[in-house]
PDB file of N, CA and C in Angstrom:
ATOM      1  N   MET A   1     -14.149 -50.358 -36.662  1.00  0.00           N
ATOM      2  CA  MET A   1     -12.885 -49.724 -36.328  1.00  0.00           C
ATOM      3  C   MET A   1     -12.474 -50.243 -34.957  1.00  0.00           C
ATOM      4  N   ASN A   2     -11.289 -50.756 -34.875  1.00  0.00           N
ATOM      5  CA  ASN A   2     -10.850 -51.291 -33.589  1.00  0.00           C
ATOM      6  C   ASN A   2     -10.349 -50.151 -32.690  1.00  0.00           C
ATOM      7  N   LYS A   3     -10.057 -50.525 -31.465  1.00  0.00           N
ATOM      8  CA  LYS A   3      -9.708 -49.533 -30.444  1.00  0.00           C
ATOM      9  C   LYS A   3      -8.419 -48.783 -30.809  1.00  0.00           C
ATOM     10  N   PHE A   4      -7.445 -49.464 -31.354  1.00  0.00           N
ATOM     11  CA  PHE A   4      -6.178 -48.808 -31.685  1.00  0.00           C
ATOM     12  C   PHE A   4      -6.359 -47.760 -32.771  1.00  0.00           C
ATOM     13  N   LYS A   5      -7.136 -48.084 -33.797  1.00  0.00           N
ATOM     14  CA  LYS A   5      -7.369 -47.114 -34.876  1.00  0.00           C
ATOM     15  C   LYS A   5      -8.139 -45.902 -34.340  1.00  0.00           C
ATOM     16  N   TYR A   6      -9.092 -46.156 -33.442  1.00  0.00           N
ATOM     17  CA  TYR A   6      -9.861 -45.050 -32.850  1.00  0.00           C
ATOM     18  C   TYR A   6      -8.941 -44.130 -32.054  1.00  0.00           C
ATOM     19  N   LEU A   7      -8.082 -44.686 -31.217  1.00  0.00           N
ATOM     20  CA  LEU A   7      -7.152 -43.871 -30.425  1.00  0.00           C
ATOM     21  C   LEU A   7      -6.164 -43.139 -31.323  1.00  0.00           C
ATOM     22  N   GLN A   8      -5.741 -43.771 -32.401  1.00  0.00           N
ATOM     23  CA  GLN A   8      -4.826 -43.125 -33.333  1.00  0.00           C
ATOM     24  C   GLN A   8      -5.507 -41.925 -34.001  1.00  0.00           C
ATOM     25  N   LEU A   9      -6.773 -42.079 -34.372  1.00  0.00           N
ATOM     26  CA  LEU A   9      -7.517 -40.997 -34.997  1.00  0.00           C
ATOM     27  C   LEU A   9      -7.749 -39.847 -34.019  1.00  0.00           C
ATOM     28  N   VAL A  10      -8.128 -40.171 -32.797  1.00  0.00           N
ATOM     29  CA  VAL A  10      -8.367 -39.132 -31.778  1.00  0.00           C
ATOM     30  C   VAL A  10      -7.070 -38.387 -31.471  1.00  0.00           C
ATOM     31  N   GLY A  11      -5.970 -39.073 -31.338  1.00  0.00           N
ATOM     32  CA  GLY A  11      -4.687 -38.428 -31.046  1.00  0.00           C
ATOM     33  C   GLY A  11      -4.247 -37.526 -32.183  1.00  0.00           C
ATOM     34  N   THR A  12      -4.421 -37.998 -33.420  1.00  0.00           N
ATOM     35  CA  THR A  12      -4.032 -37.180 -34.569  1.00  0.00           C
ATOM     36  C   THR A  12      -4.868 -35.914 -34.639  1.00  0.00           C
ATOM     37  N   LEU A  13      -6.167 -36.025 -34.416  1.00  0.00           N
ATOM     38  CA  LEU A  13      -7.031 -34.837 -34.449  1.00  0.00           C
ATOM     39  C   LEU A  13      -6.720 -33.890 -33.293  1.00  0.00           C
ATOM     40  N   THR A  14      -6.396 -34.449 -32.147  1.00  0.00           N
ATOM     41  CA  THR A  14      -6.061 -33.607 -30.988  1.00  0.00           C
ATOM     42  C   THR A  14      -4.826 -32.759 -31.266  1.00  0.00           C
ATOM     43  N   ILE A  15      -3.893 -33.292 -32.016  1.00  0.00           N
ATOM     44  CA  ILE A  15      -2.680 -32.543 -32.336  1.00  0.00           C
ATOM     45  C   ILE A  15      -2.899 -31.594 -33.510  1.00  0.00           C
ATOM     46  N   LEU A  16      -3.600 -32.052 -34.540  1.00  0.00           N
ATOM     47  CA  LEU A  16      -3.682 -31.272 -35.770  1.00  0.00           C
ATOM     48  C   LEU A  16      -4.699 -30.127 -35.716  1.00  0.00           C
ATOM     49  N   ILE A  17      -5.786 -30.271 -34.999  1.00  0.00           N
ATOM     50  CA  ILE A  17      -6.806 -29.200 -34.983  1.00  0.00           C
ATOM     51  C   ILE A  17      -6.239 -27.897 -34.398  1.00  0.00           C
ATOM     52  N   PRO A  18      -5.574 -27.880 -33.221  1.00  0.00           N
ATOM     53  CA  PRO A  18      -5.006 -26.611 -32.727  1.00  0.00           C
ATOM     54  C   PRO A  18      -3.940 -26.037 -33.661  1.00  0.00           C
ATOM     55  N   VAL A  19      -3.137 -26.918 -34.275  1.00  0.00           N
ATOM     56  CA  VAL A  19      -2.112 -26.429 -35.205  1.00  0.00           C
ATOM     57  C   VAL A  19      -2.777 -25.780 -36.402  1.00  0.00           C
ATOM     58  N   ALA A  20      -3.859 -26.386 -36.912  1.00  0.00           N
ATOM     59  CA  ALA A  20      -4.561 -25.824 -38.065  1.00  0.00           C
ATOM     60  C   ALA A  20      -5.228 -24.495 -37.703  1.00  0.00           C
ATOM     61  N   VAL A  21      -5.779 -24.388 -36.508  1.00  0.00           N
ATOM     62  CA  VAL A  21      -6.423 -23.133 -36.086  1.00  0.00           C
ATOM     63  C   VAL A  21      -5.378 -22.023 -35.988  1.00  0.00           C
ATOM     64  N   ILE A  22      -4.251 -22.300 -35.389  1.00  0.00           N
ATOM     65  CA  ILE A  22      -3.206 -21.274 -35.237  1.00  0.00           C
ATOM     66  C   ILE A  22      -2.644 -20.887 -36.601  1.00  0.00           C
ATOM     67  N   ALA A  23      -2.454 -21.870 -37.494  1.00  0.00           N
ATOM     68  CA  ALA A  23      -1.956 -21.553 -38.837  1.00  0.00           C
ATOM     69  C   ALA A  23      -2.982 -20.712 -39.596  1.00  0.00           C
ATOM     70  N   GLY A  24      -4.263 -21.025 -39.439  1.00  0.00           N
ATOM     71  CA  GLY A  24      -5.307 -20.232 -40.092  1.00  0.00           C
ATOM     72  C   GLY A  24      -5.322 -18.809 -39.588  1.00  0.00           C
ATOM     73  N   MET A  25      -5.119 -18.624 -38.285  1.00  0.00           N
ATOM     74  CA  MET A  25      -5.067 -17.263 -37.731  1.00  0.00           C
ATOM     75  C   MET A  25      -3.874 -16.506 -38.300  1.00  0.00           C
ATOM     76  N   GLY A  26      -2.746 -17.191 -38.483  1.00  0.00           N
ATOM     77  CA  GLY A  26      -1.572 -16.537 -39.058  1.00  0.00           C
ATOM     78  C   GLY A  26      -1.808 -16.133 -40.499  1.00  0.00           C
ATOM     79  N   VAL A  27      -2.499 -16.978 -41.256  1.00  0.00           N
ATOM     80  CA  VAL A  27      -2.785 -16.651 -42.659  1.00  0.00           C
ATOM     81  C   VAL A  27      -3.717 -15.454 -42.738  1.00  0.00           C
ATOM     82  N   VAL A  28      -4.760 -15.449 -41.902  1.00  0.00           N
ATOM     83  CA  VAL A  28      -5.702 -14.320 -41.920  1.00  0.00           C
ATOM     84  C   VAL A  28      -4.993 -13.036 -41.510  1.00  0.00           C
ATOM     85  N   TYR A  29      -4.100 -13.107 -40.533  1.00  0.00           N
ATOM     86  CA  TYR A  29      -3.395 -11.912 -40.073  1.00  0.00           C
ATOM     87  C   TYR A  29      -2.453 -11.368 -41.155  1.00  0.00           C
ATOM     88  N   SER A  30      -1.868 -12.265 -41.950  1.00  0.00           N
ATOM     89  CA  SER A  30      -0.901 -11.815 -42.942  1.00  0.00           C
ATOM     90  C   SER A  30      -1.545 -11.361 -44.252  1.00  0.00           C
ATOM     91  N   LEU A  31      -2.857 -11.521 -44.409  1.00  0.00           N
ATOM     92  CA  LEU A  31      -3.513 -11.059 -45.630  1.00  0.00           C
ATOM     93  C   LEU A  31      -3.382  -9.547 -45.755  1.00  0.00           C
ATOM     94  N   PRO A  32      -3.224  -9.049 -46.972  1.00  0.00           N
ATOM     95  CA  PRO A  32      -3.122  -7.588 -47.112  1.00  0.00           C
ATOM     96  C   PRO A  32      -4.463  -6.931 -46.777  1.00  0.00           C
ATOM     97  N   LYS A  33      -4.374  -5.824 -46.166  1.00  0.00           N
ATOM     98  CA  LYS A  33      -5.579  -5.114 -45.769  1.00  0.00           C
ATOM     99  C   LYS A  33      -6.056  -4.266 -46.940  1.00  0.00           C
ATOM    100  N   ALA A  34      -7.357  -4.057 -46.987  1.00  0.00           N
ATOM    101  CA  ALA A  34      -7.931  -3.252 -48.063  1.00  0.00           C
ATOM    102  C   ALA A  34      -7.506  -1.807 -47.875  1.00  0.00           C
ATOM    103  N   PRO A  35      -7.090  -1.166 -48.956  1.00  0.00           N
ATOM    104  CA  PRO A  35      -6.682   0.238 -48.806  1.00  0.00           C
ATOM    105  C   PRO A  35      -7.888   1.098 -48.459  1.00  0.00           C
ATOM    106  N   GLN A  36      -7.668   2.010 -47.556  1.00  0.00           N
ATOM    107  CA  GLN A  36      -8.742   2.897 -47.139  1.00  0.00           C
ATOM    108  C   GLN A  36      -8.568   4.234 -47.845  1.00  0.00           C
ATOM    109  N   ALA A  37      -9.691   4.793 -48.228  1.00  0.00           N
ATOM    110  CA  ALA A  37      -9.640   6.091 -48.898  1.00  0.00           C
ATOM    111  C   ALA A  37      -9.269   7.166 -47.884  1.00  0.00           C
ATOM    112  N   ILE A  38      -8.362   8.027 -48.276  1.00  0.00           N
ATOM    113  CA  ILE A  38      -7.915   9.099 -47.391  1.00  0.00           C
ATOM    114  C   ILE A  38      -8.578  10.387 -47.853  1.00  0.00           C
ATOM    115  N   ASP A  39      -9.284  11.008 -46.928  1.00  0.00           N
ATOM    116  CA  ASP A  39      -9.931  12.284 -47.258  1.00  0.00           C
ATOM    117  C   ASP A  39      -8.893  13.391 -47.168  1.00  0.00           C
ATOM    118  N   THR A  40      -8.770  14.147 -48.226  1.00  0.00           N
ATOM    119  CA  THR A  40      -7.849  15.277 -48.217  1.00  0.00           C
ATOM    120  C   THR A  40      -8.665  16.549 -48.249  1.00  0.00           C
ATOM    121  N   THR A  41      -8.429  17.376 -47.301  1.00  0.00           N
ATOM    122  CA  THR A  41      -9.102  18.668 -47.258  1.00  0.00           C
ATOM    123  C   THR A  41      -8.043  19.746 -47.170  1.00  0.00           C
ATOM    124  N   THR A  42      -8.341  20.868 -47.717  1.00  0.00           N
ATOM    125  CA  THR A  42      -7.388  21.975 -47.667  1.00  0.00           C
ATOM    126  C   THR A  42      -7.731  22.851 -46.474  1.00  0.00           C
ATOM    127  N   VAL A  43      -6.715  23.245 -45.789  1.00  0.00           N
ATOM    128  CA  VAL A  43      -6.883  24.091 -44.614  1.00  0.00           C
ATOM    129  C   VAL A  43      -6.460  25.492 -45.010  1.00  0.00           C
ATOM    130  N   PRO A  44      -7.335  26.458 -44.780  1.00  0.00           N
ATOM    131  CA  PRO A  44      -6.948  27.824 -45.132  1.00  0.00           C
ATOM    132  C   PRO A  44      -5.812  28.300 -44.218  1.00  0.00           C
ATOM    133  N   GLU A  45      -4.938  29.100 -44.788  1.00  0.00           N
ATOM    134  CA  GLU A  45      -3.813  29.596 -44.010  1.00  0.00           C
ATOM    135  C   GLU A  45      -4.274  30.674 -43.043  1.00  0.00           C
ATOM    136  N   VAL A  46      -3.747  30.645 -41.871  1.00  0.00           N
ATOM    137  CA  VAL A  46      -4.100  31.604 -40.832  1.00  0.00           C
ATOM    138  C   VAL A  46      -2.971  32.629 -40.768  1.00  0.00           C
ATOM    139  N   LEU A  47      -3.339  33.873 -40.734  1.00  0.00           N
ATOM    140  CA  LEU A  47      -2.332  34.924 -40.619  1.00  0.00           C
ATOM    141  C   LEU A  47      -1.682  34.837 -39.248  1.00  0.00           C
ATOM    142  N   GLU A  48      -0.388  34.887 -39.247  1.00  0.00           N
ATOM    143  CA  GLU A  48       0.315  34.790 -37.974  1.00  0.00           C
ATOM    144  C   GLU A  48       0.342  36.160 -37.307  1.00  0.00           C
ATOM    145  N   LEU A  49      -0.105  36.160 -36.052  1.00  0.00           N
ATOM    146  CA  LEU A  49      -0.062  37.393 -35.271  1.00  0.00           C
ATOM    147  C   LEU A  49       1.309  37.491 -34.619  1.00  0.00           C
ATOM    148  N   PRO A  50       1.776  38.708 -34.391  1.00  0.00           N
ATOM    149  CA  PRO A  50       3.069  38.834 -33.709  1.00  0.00           C
ATOM    150  C   PRO A  50       2.970  38.275 -32.285  1.00  0.00           C
ATOM    151  N   LYS A  51       4.028  37.637 -31.886  1.00  0.00           N
ATOM    152  CA  LYS A  51       4.028  37.035 -30.558  1.00  0.00           C
ATOM    153  C   LYS A  51       4.141  38.121 -29.493  1.00  0.00           C
ATOM    154  N   THR A  52       3.378  37.946 -28.431  1.00  0.00           N
ATOM    155  CA  THR A  52       3.425  38.900 -27.321  1.00  0.00           C
ATOM    156  C   THR A  52       3.928  38.168 -26.090  1.00  0.00           C
ATOM    157  N   ASP A  53       4.542  38.929 -25.206  1.00  0.00           N
ATOM    158  CA  ASP A  53       5.037  38.342 -23.977  1.00  0.00           C
ATOM    159  C   ASP A  53       3.869  38.082 -23.031  1.00  0.00           C
ATOM    160  N   THR A  54       4.021  37.077 -22.243  1.00  0.00           N
ATOM    161  CA  THR A  54       3.006  36.747 -21.245  1.00  0.00           C
ATOM    162  C   THR A  54       3.394  37.401 -19.934  1.00  0.00           C
ATOM    163  N   VAL A  55       2.444  38.106 -19.345  1.00  0.00           N
ATOM    164  CA  VAL A  55       2.694  38.792 -18.086  1.00  0.00           C
ATOM    165  C   VAL A  55       1.860  38.107 -17.011  1.00  0.00           C
ATOM    166  N   VAL A  56       2.511  37.749 -15.924  1.00  0.00           N
ATOM    167  CA  VAL A  56       1.816  37.121 -14.808  1.00  0.00           C
ATOM    168  C   VAL A  56       1.895  38.087 -13.641  1.00  0.00           C
ATOM    169  N   ILE A  57       0.745  38.434 -13.088  1.00  0.00           N
ATOM    170  CA  ILE A  57       0.692  39.344 -11.947  1.00  0.00           C
ATOM    171  C   ILE A  57       0.587  38.499 -10.686  1.00  0.00           C
ATOM    172  N   VAL A  58       1.517  38.739  -9.768  1.00  0.00           N
ATOM    173  CA  VAL A  58       1.536  37.990  -8.520  1.00  0.00           C
ATOM    174  C   VAL A  58       1.140  38.939  -7.410  1.00  0.00           C
ATOM    175  N   LYS A  59       0.101  38.574  -6.681  1.00  0.00           N
ATOM    176  CA  LYS A  59      -0.331  39.397  -5.560  1.00  0.00           C
ATOM    177  C   LYS A  59       0.129  38.732  -4.270  1.00  0.00           C
ATOM    178  N   GLU A  60       0.561  39.579  -3.330  1.00  0.00           N
ATOM    179  CA  GLU A  60       0.991  39.043  -2.053  1.00  0.00           C
ATOM    180  C   GLU A  60      -0.248  38.813  -1.199  1.00  0.00           C
ATOM    181  N   ILE A  61      -0.318  37.656  -0.598  1.00  0.00           N
ATOM    182  CA  ILE A  61      -1.476  37.369   0.235  1.00  0.00           C
ATOM    183  C   ILE A  61      -1.139  37.716   1.674  1.00  0.00           C
ATOM    184  N   GLN A  62      -2.178  37.962   2.439  1.00  0.00           N
ATOM    185  CA  GLN A  62      -1.965  38.328   3.832  1.00  0.00           C
ATOM    186  C   GLN A  62      -1.611  37.069   4.617  1.00  0.00           C
ATOM    187  N   LYS A  63      -0.675  37.255   5.531  1.00  0.00           N
ATOM    188  CA  LYS A  63      -0.294  36.131   6.365  1.00  0.00           C
ATOM    189  C   LYS A  63      -1.336  35.964   7.463  1.00  0.00           C
ATOM    190  N   ILE A  64      -1.757  34.758   7.643  1.00  0.00           N
ATOM    191  CA  ILE A  64      -2.765  34.475   8.664  1.00  0.00           C
ATOM    192  C   ILE A  64      -2.046  33.982   9.905  1.00  0.00           C
ATOM    193  N   ALA A  65      -2.409  34.594  11.054  1.00  0.00           N
ATOM    194  CA  ALA A  65      -1.788  34.185  12.304  1.00  0.00           C
ATOM    195  C   ALA A  65      -2.336  32.821  12.702  1.00  0.00           C
ATOM    196  N   LEU A  66      -1.440  31.987  13.187  1.00  0.00           N
ATOM    197  CA  LEU A  66      -1.861  30.661  13.621  1.00  0.00           C
ATOM    198  C   LEU A  66      -2.667  30.763  14.905  1.00  0.00           C
ATOM    199  N   PRO A  67      -3.639  29.905  15.107  1.00  0.00           N
ATOM    200  CA  PRO A  67      -4.394  29.934  16.359  1.00  0.00           C
ATOM    201  C   PRO A  67      -3.478  29.547  17.510  1.00  0.00           C
ATOM    202  N   PRO A  68      -3.811  29.991  18.702  1.00  0.00           N
ATOM    203  CA  PRO A  68      -2.957  29.648  19.844  1.00  0.00           C
ATOM    204  C   PRO A  68      -2.899  28.132  20.024  1.00  0.00           C
ATOM    205  N   ALA A  69      -1.790  27.700  20.588  1.00  0.00           N
ATOM    206  CA  ALA A  69      -1.592  26.271  20.783  1.00  0.00           C
ATOM    207  C   ALA A  69      -2.639  25.727  21.744  1.00  0.00           C
ATOM    208  N   ILE A  70      -3.068  24.546  21.494  1.00  0.00           N
ATOM    209  CA  ILE A  70      -4.069  23.916  22.356  1.00  0.00           C
ATOM    210  C   ILE A  70      -3.359  23.371  23.584  1.00  0.00           C
ATOM    211  N   VAL A  71      -3.840  23.811  24.743  1.00  0.00           N
ATOM    212  CA  VAL A  71      -3.253  23.368  25.995  1.00  0.00           C
ATOM    213  C   VAL A  71      -4.121  22.235  26.525  1.00  0.00           C
ATOM    214  N   GLN A  72      -3.492  21.104  26.733  1.00  0.00           N
ATOM    215  CA  GLN A  72      -4.255  19.971  27.247  1.00  0.00           C
ATOM    216  C   GLN A  72      -4.160  19.936  28.757  1.00  0.00           C
ATOM    217  N   LYS A  73      -5.254  19.498  29.354  1.00  0.00           N
ATOM    218  CA  LYS A  73      -5.266  19.387  30.813  1.00  0.00           C
ATOM    219  C   LYS A  73      -4.365  18.218  31.207  1.00  0.00           C
ATOM    220  N   PRO A  74      -3.702  18.339  32.337  1.00  0.00           N
ATOM    221  CA  PRO A  74      -2.860  17.217  32.757  1.00  0.00           C
ATOM    222  C   PRO A  74      -3.736  16.000  33.072  1.00  0.00           C
ATOM    223  N   LEU A  75      -3.232  14.859  32.732  1.00  0.00           N
ATOM    224  CA  LEU A  75      -3.965  13.636  32.994  1.00  0.00           C
ATOM    225  C   LEU A  75      -3.923  13.329  34.486  1.00  0.00           C
ATOM    226  N   PRO A  76      -5.024  12.771  35.020  1.00  0.00           N
ATOM    227  CA  PRO A  76      -4.995  12.432  36.451  1.00  0.00           C
ATOM    228  C   PRO A  76      -3.991  11.305  36.699  1.00  0.00           C
ATOM    229  N   ALA A  77      -3.452  11.307  37.875  1.00  0.00           N
ATOM    230  CA  ALA A  77      -2.461  10.288  38.229  1.00  0.00           C
ATOM    231  C   ALA A  77      -3.152   8.931  38.227  1.00  0.00           C
ATOM    232  N   PRO A  78      -2.487   7.917  37.730  1.00  0.00           N
ATOM    233  CA  PRO A  78      -3.120   6.602  37.716  1.00  0.00           C
ATOM    234  C   PRO A  78      -3.301   6.057  39.123  1.00  0.00           C
ATOM    235  N   ILE A  79      -4.397   5.367  39.307  1.00  0.00           N
ATOM    236  CA  ILE A  79      -4.697   4.793  40.624  1.00  0.00           C
ATOM    237  C   ILE A  79      -3.819   3.554  40.797  1.00  0.00           C
ATOM    238  N   PRO A  80      -3.090   3.503  41.902  1.00  0.00           N
ATOM    239  CA  PRO A  80      -2.241   2.330  42.102  1.00  0.00           C
ATOM    240  C   PRO A  80      -3.104   1.074  42.277  1.00  0.00           C
ATOM    241  N   VAL A  81      -2.686   0.017  41.657  1.00  0.00           N
ATOM    242  CA  VAL A  81      -3.425  -1.235  41.736  1.00  0.00           C
ATOM    243  C   VAL A  81      -2.709  -2.135  42.720  1.00  0.00           C
ATOM    244  N   SER A  82      -3.474  -2.622  43.686  1.00  0.00           N
ATOM    245  CA  SER A  82      -2.858  -3.514  44.664  1.00  0.00           C
ATOM    246  C   SER A  82      -3.284  -4.941  44.329  1.00  0.00           C
ATOM    247  N   ILE A  83      -2.315  -5.828  44.328  1.00  0.00           N
ATOM    248  CA  ILE A  83      -2.567  -7.226  44.033  1.00  0.00           C
ATOM    249  C   ILE A  83      -2.402  -8.008  45.323  1.00  0.00           C
ATOM    250  N   LYS A  84      -3.464  -8.749  45.640  1.00  0.00           N
ATOM    251  CA  LYS A  84      -3.406  -9.536  46.879  1.00  0.00           C
ATOM    252  C   LYS A  84      -2.820 -10.893  46.574  1.00  0.00           C
ATOM    253  N   ASP A  85      -2.006 -11.363  47.474  1.00  0.00           N
ATOM    254  CA  ASP A  85      -1.405 -12.677  47.318  1.00  0.00           C
ATOM    255  C   ASP A  85      -2.381 -13.690  47.875  1.00  0.00           C
ATOM    256  N   THR A  86      -2.950 -14.500  46.994  1.00  0.00           N
ATOM    257  CA  THR A  86      -3.939 -15.480  47.450  1.00  0.00           C
ATOM    258  C   THR A  86      -3.372 -16.881  47.503  1.00  0.00           C
ATOM    259  N   ALA A  87      -2.098 -17.024  47.229  1.00  0.00           N
ATOM    260  CA  ALA A  87      -1.492 -18.356  47.284  1.00  0.00           C
ATOM    261  C   ALA A  87      -1.324 -18.777  48.740  1.00  0.00           C
ATOM    262  N   GLU A  88      -1.544 -20.065  48.979  1.00  0.00           N
ATOM    263  CA  GLU A  88      -1.399 -20.575  50.349  1.00  0.00           C
ATOM    264  C   GLU A  88       0.088 -20.697  50.684  1.00  0.00           C
ATOM    265  N   LYS A  89       0.381 -20.365  51.882  1.00  0.00           N
ATOM    266  CA  LYS A  89       1.760 -20.473  52.339  1.00  0.00           C
ATOM    267  C   LYS A  89       1.993 -21.916  52.783  1.00  0.00           C
ATOM    268  N   ILE A  90       3.049 -22.482  52.282  1.00  0.00           N
ATOM    269  CA  ILE A  90       3.346 -23.869  52.604  1.00  0.00           C
ATOM    270  C   ILE A  90       4.419 -23.887  53.684  1.00  0.00           C
ATOM    271  N   ALA A  91       4.073 -24.541  54.758  1.00  0.00           N
ATOM    272  CA  ALA A  91       5.030 -24.641  55.856  1.00  0.00           C
ATOM    273  C   ALA A  91       5.961 -25.810  55.586  1.00  0.00           C
ATOM    274  N   VAL A  92       7.188 -25.647  55.899  1.00  0.00           N
ATOM    275  CA  VAL A  92       8.170 -26.703  55.681  1.00  0.00           C
ATOM    276  C   VAL A  92       8.024 -27.706  56.822  1.00  0.00           C
ATOM    277  N   LYS A  93       7.764 -28.962  56.443  1.00  0.00           N
ATOM    278  CA  LYS A  93       7.598 -30.010  57.458  1.00  0.00           C
ATOM    279  C   LYS A  93       8.793 -30.969  57.370  1.00  0.00           C
ATOM    280  N   LEU A  94       9.180 -31.428  58.457  1.00  0.00           N
ATOM    281  CA  LEU A  94      10.287 -32.371  58.498  1.00  0.00           C
ATOM    282  C   LEU A  94       9.745 -33.771  58.207  1.00  0.00           C
ATOM    283  N   ASP A  95      10.519 -34.504  57.445  1.00  0.00           N
ATOM    284  CA  ASP A  95      10.117 -35.855  57.116  1.00  0.00           C
ATOM    285  C   ASP A  95      10.590 -36.749  58.261  1.00  0.00           C
ATOM    286  N   THR A  96       9.656 -37.239  59.039  1.00  0.00           N
ATOM    287  CA  THR A  96      10.014 -38.038  60.209  1.00  0.00           C
ATOM    288  C   THR A  96       9.813 -39.524  59.949  1.00  0.00           C
ATOM    289  N   ALA A  97       9.537 -39.896  58.732  1.00  0.00           N
ATOM    290  CA  ALA A  97       9.285 -41.297  58.426  1.00  0.00           C
ATOM    291  C   ALA A  97      10.562 -42.107  58.317  1.00  0.00           C
ATOM    292  N   GLN A  98      11.677 -41.543  58.446  1.00  0.00           N
ATOM    293  CA  GLN A  98      12.933 -42.281  58.304  1.00  0.00           C
ATOM    294  C   GLN A  98      13.157 -43.211  59.418  1.00  0.00           C
TER     295      GLN A  98
END
């Protein structure tokens, strides 16, 4: 088998195998399902009792006094920060080289 026939065969299989798998899944999905036996049981009738109103009793709860507000101590005043100037002072010199 020459190279062209081999590539033609590989390409055809690459295309047809996924198509065949998807078509097979569609056929299996569309098959009729087996009927399942349904169990029928008779339920005895229950005598209906007369409906009664629902009563809800609401009790008033005691109001709880809130605790006194928390008083915070005043914060101490911040300590002033002093920054020292460490840059050298440059004196203005006259250019006398003229």
